[in-house]
């Protein structure tokens, strides 16, 4: 392909992309706006305390990606 052919192909693709974006924008403009665009439901929010976790919670856990403490990688 010559440079001229490449430029013509790029221009065709760009024109097609422009048409598709315009159609998408038109479709989006016709959509009804959501009536439930409010923020999160406060009743579902969970408060995370600032106090440190009890270290005994992690006693039997593996280090993620490192495996168990008492075993070696194969």
Protein backbone atom coordinates (compact mmCIF):
# COMPACT_ATOMS: atom_id res chain seq x y z
CA UNK A 1 0.00 0.00 0.00
CA UNK A 2 1.16 3.47 -0.75
CA UNK A 3 1.12 6.35 1.65
CA UNK A 4 -1.85 7.83 -0.22
CA UNK A 5 -3.81 4.56 0.19
CA UNK A 6 -2.98 4.47 3.89
CA UNK A 7 -4.14 8.07 4.36
CA UNK A 8 -7.37 7.37 2.48
CA UNK A 9 -8.05 4.32 4.68
CA UNK A 10 -7.39 6.36 7.83
CA UNK A 11 -9.74 9.12 6.62
CA UNK A 12 -12.51 6.58 5.87
CA UNK A 13 -12.10 4.98 9.28
CA UNK A 14 -12.12 8.36 10.99
CA UNK A 15 -15.26 9.41 9.12
CA UNK A 16 -16.98 6.16 10.10
CA UNK A 17 -15.94 6.62 13.73
CA UNK A 18 -17.27 10.19 13.69
CA UNK A 19 -20.64 9.01 12.32
CA UNK A 20 -20.89 6.29 14.95
CA UNK A 21 -20.05 8.68 17.79
CA UNK A 22 -22.67 11.13 16.53
CA UNK A 23 -25.30 8.36 16.46
CA UNK A 24 -24.31 7.28 19.96
CA UNK A 25 -24.61 10.86 21.23
CA UNK A 26 -28.07 11.15 19.62
CA UNK A 27 -29.20 7.90 21.23
CA UNK A 28 -27.86 9.03 24.61
CA UNK A 29 -29.71 12.36 24.29
CA UNK A 30 -32.99 10.50 23.64
CA UNK A 31 -32.60 8.34 26.75
CA UNK A 32 -34.60 9.42 29.75
CA UNK A 33 -32.40 10.55 32.63
CA UNK A 34 -32.46 8.18 35.57
CA UNK A 35 -34.76 9.31 38.36
CA UNK A 36 -32.72 7.39 40.95
CA UNK A 37 -29.44 9.20 40.48
CA UNK A 38 -29.13 9.83 44.21
CA UNK A 39 -26.10 8.88 46.27
CA UNK A 40 -25.62 5.62 48.15
CA UNK A 41 -28.27 4.32 50.52
CA UNK A 42 -27.13 5.34 54.04
CA UNK A 43 -28.85 2.33 55.58
CA UNK A 44 -26.43 0.03 53.72
CA UNK A 45 -23.26 1.85 54.76
CA UNK A 46 -20.94 0.14 57.23
CA UNK A 47 -18.79 2.08 59.67
CA UNK A 48 -15.21 0.83 59.89
CA UNK A 49 -13.67 1.52 63.30
CA UNK A 50 -10.31 3.26 63.64
CA UNK A 51 -9.18 0.90 66.38
CA UNK A 52 -6.68 -1.81 65.38
CA UNK A 53 -7.96 -5.31 64.69
CA UNK A 54 -7.32 -8.10 67.17
CA UNK A 55 -4.12 -9.81 65.90
CA UNK A 56 -5.53 -13.23 66.83
CA UNK A 57 -7.84 -12.87 63.82
CA UNK A 58 -4.83 -13.46 61.57
CA UNK A 59 -3.17 -16.31 63.49
CA UNK A 60 -3.93 -19.13 61.03
CA UNK A 61 -3.93 -17.06 57.86
CA UNK A 62 -1.48 -17.45 55.00
CA UNK A 63 0.46 -14.51 53.65
CA UNK A 64 -1.25 -13.80 50.35
CA UNK A 65 0.98 -14.86 47.50
CA UNK A 66 3.65 -16.21 49.86
CA UNK A 67 1.95 -19.37 51.10
CA UNK A 68 1.87 -20.71 54.62
CA UNK A 69 4.53 -19.64 57.10
CA UNK A 70 5.69 -23.17 57.98
CA UNK A 71 6.01 -24.50 54.39
CA UNK A 72 8.44 -23.83 51.56
CA UNK A 73 7.68 -23.23 47.93
CA UNK A 74 8.21 -26.25 45.65
